[in-house]
Amino acid sequence: MSMQEKRRRKRVAFKNWYDTTLVALDGTWSINAKLHDISDSGAKLHVDGEVTAHLCKEEFFLMITPDAKVSRRAEMVWRNGCHVGIRFVTAPRSPSCKHP
């Protein structure tokens, strides 16, 4: 079974890779990347340069539009050279307020 057949979500592939940016949740770093394909659960990217330790260890934002008005919180799930697979994650829920 091919990788494509194992995927549960339909992906949109870009014929010409789409420029995007990965940004730390706290804004302390950013990495330029090119988007190969995307689904509602994740994406495949080509990262410019080496895959840094930041990308391997922490969650980040994928800036989907150049103006950063559309972004998704993500984490890396695999890498092969300068290609990486990311999974979209939801933000941790804040503790609920309980009223007496």
C-alpha atoms as a PDB file:
ATOM      1  CA  MET A   1       0.000   0.000   0.000  1.00  0.00           C
ATOM      2  CA  SER A   2       1.438   3.392  -0.961  1.00  0.00           C
ATOM      3  CA  MET A   3       1.752   6.375   1.387  1.00  0.00           C
ATOM      4  CA  GLN A   4      -1.024   8.116  -0.539  1.00  0.00           C
ATOM      5  CA  GLU A   5      -3.390   5.179   0.084  1.00  0.00           C
ATOM      6  CA  LYS A   6      -2.657   5.219   3.836  1.00  0.00           C
ATOM      7  CA  ARG A   7      -3.724   8.830   4.208  1.00  0.00           C
ATOM      8  CA  ARG A   8      -7.116   9.314   5.766  1.00  0.00           C
ATOM      9  CA  ARG A   9      -7.524  12.919   4.701  1.00  0.00           C
ATOM     10  CA  LYS A  10      -7.642  14.311   1.176  1.00  0.00           C
ATOM     11  CA  ARG A  11      -4.675  16.531   0.402  1.00  0.00           C
ATOM     12  CA  VAL A  12      -4.408  19.527  -1.893  1.00  0.00           C
ATOM     13  CA  ALA A  13      -1.088  19.472  -3.759  1.00  0.00           C
ATOM     14  CA  PHE A  14       0.528  22.593  -5.218  1.00  0.00           C
ATOM     15  CA  LYS A  15       2.101  22.258  -8.665  1.00  0.00           C
ATOM     16  CA  ASN A  16       4.380  25.191  -7.869  1.00  0.00           C
ATOM     17  CA  TRP A  17       5.357  24.996  -4.220  1.00  0.00           C
ATOM     18  CA  TYR A  18       3.772  27.688  -2.104  1.00  0.00           C
ATOM     19  CA  ASP A  19       6.025  30.002  -0.035  1.00  0.00           C
ATOM     20  CA  THR A  20       5.252  29.882   3.670  1.00  0.00           C
ATOM     21  CA  THR A  21       6.874  30.533   7.039  1.00  0.00           C
ATOM     22  CA  LEU A  22       7.098  28.564  10.261  1.00  0.00           C
ATOM     23  CA  VAL A  23       7.110  30.760  13.377  1.00  0.00           C
ATOM     24  CA  ALA A  24       7.753  29.891  17.025  1.00  0.00           C
ATOM     25  CA  LEU A  25       4.724  30.174  19.287  1.00  0.00           C
ATOM     26  CA  ASP A  26       6.543  32.921  21.207  1.00  0.00           C
ATOM     27  CA  GLY A  27       7.838  34.591  18.014  1.00  0.00           C
ATOM     28  CA  THR A  28      11.536  34.043  18.840  1.00  0.00           C
ATOM     29  CA  TRP A  29      12.386  32.266  15.550  1.00  0.00           C
ATOM     30  CA  SER A  30      11.059  31.769  12.039  1.00  0.00           C
ATOM     31  CA  ILE A  31      11.992  29.451   9.176  1.00  0.00           C
ATOM     32  CA  ASN A  32      11.168  29.877   5.480  1.00  0.00           C
ATOM     33  CA  ALA A  33       9.583  26.860   3.806  1.00  0.00           C
ATOM     34  CA  LYS A  34       7.687  25.782   0.709  1.00  0.00           C
ATOM     35  CA  LEU A  35       4.358  24.006   1.021  1.00  0.00           C
ATOM     36  CA  HIS A  36       4.068  20.832  -1.109  1.00  0.00           C
ATOM     37  CA  ASP A  37       0.594  19.764  -0.028  1.00  0.00           C
ATOM     38  CA  ILE A  38      -1.900  20.317   2.757  1.00  0.00           C
ATOM     39  CA  SER A  39      -4.947  18.657   4.293  1.00  0.00           C
ATOM     40  CA  ASP A  40      -7.108  19.484   7.278  1.00  0.00           C
ATOM     41  CA  SER A  41      -4.824  17.325   9.459  1.00  0.00           C
ATOM     42  CA  GLY A  42      -1.311  18.264   8.274  1.00  0.00           C
ATOM     43  CA  ALA A  43       1.077  19.200   5.490  1.00  0.00           C
ATOM     44  CA  LYS A  44       4.324  18.332   3.705  1.00  0.00           C
ATOM     45  CA  LEU A  45       6.954  21.061   3.511  1.00  0.00           C
ATOM     46  CA  HIS A  46      10.389  21.705   2.022  1.00  0.00           C
ATOM     47  CA  VAL A  47      12.362  23.615   4.651  1.00  0.00           C
ATOM     48  CA  ASP A  48      14.980  26.089   3.417  1.00  0.00           C
ATOM     49  CA  GLY A  49      18.324  24.959   4.835  1.00  0.00           C
ATOM     50  CA  GLU A  50      18.764  22.457   7.645  1.00  0.00           C
ATOM     51  CA  VAL A  51      15.904  21.286   9.807  1.00  0.00           C
ATOM     52  CA  THR A  52      16.712  23.056  13.066  1.00  0.00           C
ATOM     53  CA  ALA A  53      16.391  21.726  16.599  1.00  0.00           C
ATOM     54  CA  HIS A  54      13.579  24.244  17.134  1.00  0.00           C
ATOM     55  CA  LEU A  55      11.443  22.531  14.553  1.00  0.00           C
ATOM     56  CA  CYS A  56      12.068  19.062  15.984  1.00  0.00           C
ATOM     57  CA  LYS A  57      11.309  19.871  19.614  1.00  0.00           C
ATOM     58  CA  GLU A  58       8.500  22.364  19.842  1.00  0.00           C
ATOM     59  CA  GLU A  59       5.167  23.390  18.398  1.00  0.00           C
ATOM     60  CA  PHE A  60       5.061  26.305  15.969  1.00  0.00           C
ATOM     61  CA  PHE A  61       2.707  28.195  13.681  1.00  0.00           C
ATOM     62  CA  LEU A  62       2.493  27.511   9.940  1.00  0.00           C
ATOM     63  CA  MET A  63       1.688  30.851   8.296  1.00  0.00           C
ATOM     64  CA  ILE A  64      -0.611  29.787   5.476  1.00  0.00           C
ATOM     65  CA  THR A  65      -1.131  33.251   3.994  1.00  0.00           C
ATOM     66  CA  PRO A  66       1.684  35.776   3.407  1.00  0.00           C
ATOM     67  CA  ASP A  67      -0.028  38.368   5.621  1.00  0.00           C
ATOM     68  CA  ALA A  68      -0.210  35.778   8.484  1.00  0.00           C
ATOM     69  CA  LYS A  69      -3.968  36.239   8.817  1.00  0.00           C
ATOM     70  CA  VAL A  70      -4.394  32.472   8.332  1.00  0.00           C
ATOM     71  CA  SER A  71      -2.157  30.193  10.388  1.00  0.00           C
ATOM     72  CA  ARG A  72      -2.282  26.763  12.026  1.00  0.00           C
ATOM     73  CA  ARG A  73      -0.552  25.491  15.143  1.00  0.00           C
ATOM     74  CA  ALA A  74       1.588  22.457  14.227  1.00  0.00           C
ATOM     75  CA  GLU A  75       4.315  20.023  15.187  1.00  0.00           C
ATOM     76  CA  MET A  76       6.769  18.030  13.100  1.00  0.00           C
ATOM     77  CA  VAL A  77       6.003  14.295  12.797  1.00  0.00           C
ATOM     78  CA  TRP A  78       8.702  13.177  10.327  1.00  0.00           C
ATOM     79  CA  ARG A  79      11.661  14.458   8.348  1.00  0.00           C
ATOM     80  CA  ASN A  80      13.652  13.240   5.366  1.00  0.00           C
ATOM     81  CA  GLY A  81      16.487  15.639   4.606  1.00  0.00           C
ATOM     82  CA  CYS A  82      14.939  19.046   3.994  1.00  0.00           C
ATOM     83  CA  HIS A  83      11.413  17.601   3.630  1.00  0.00           C
ATOM     84  CA  VAL A  84       9.210  17.472   6.730  1.00  0.00           C
ATOM     85  CA  GLY A  85       5.731  16.301   7.569  1.00  0.00           C
ATOM     86  CA  ILE A  86       3.741  18.299  10.071  1.00  0.00           C
ATOM     87  CA  ARG A  87       0.538  17.617  11.955  1.00  0.00           C
ATOM     88  CA  PHE A  88      -1.858  20.347  12.954  1.00  0.00           C
ATOM     89  CA  VAL A  89      -2.602  20.478  16.666  1.00  0.00           C
ATOM     90  CA  THR A  90      -5.111  22.337  18.750  1.00  0.00           C
ATOM     91  CA  ALA A  91      -3.993  24.766  21.408  1.00  0.00           C
ATOM     92  CA  PRO A  92      -4.052  23.448  24.956  1.00  0.00           C
ATOM     93  CA  ARG A  93      -7.274  24.356  26.686  1.00  0.00           C
ATOM     94  CA  SER A  94      -7.063  26.877  29.463  1.00  0.00           C
ATOM     95  CA  PRO A  95      -8.443  25.749  32.820  1.00  0.00           C
ATOM     96  CA  SER A  96     -12.142  26.316  32.999  1.00  0.00           C
ATOM     97  CA  CYS A  97     -13.401  28.874  35.452  1.00  0.00           C
ATOM     98  CA  LYS A  98     -15.721  27.463  38.045  1.00  0.00           C
ATOM     99  CA  HIS A  99     -18.107  29.777  39.779  1.00  0.00           C
ATOM    100  CA  PRO A 100     -19.144  29.003  43.338  1.00  0.00           C
END
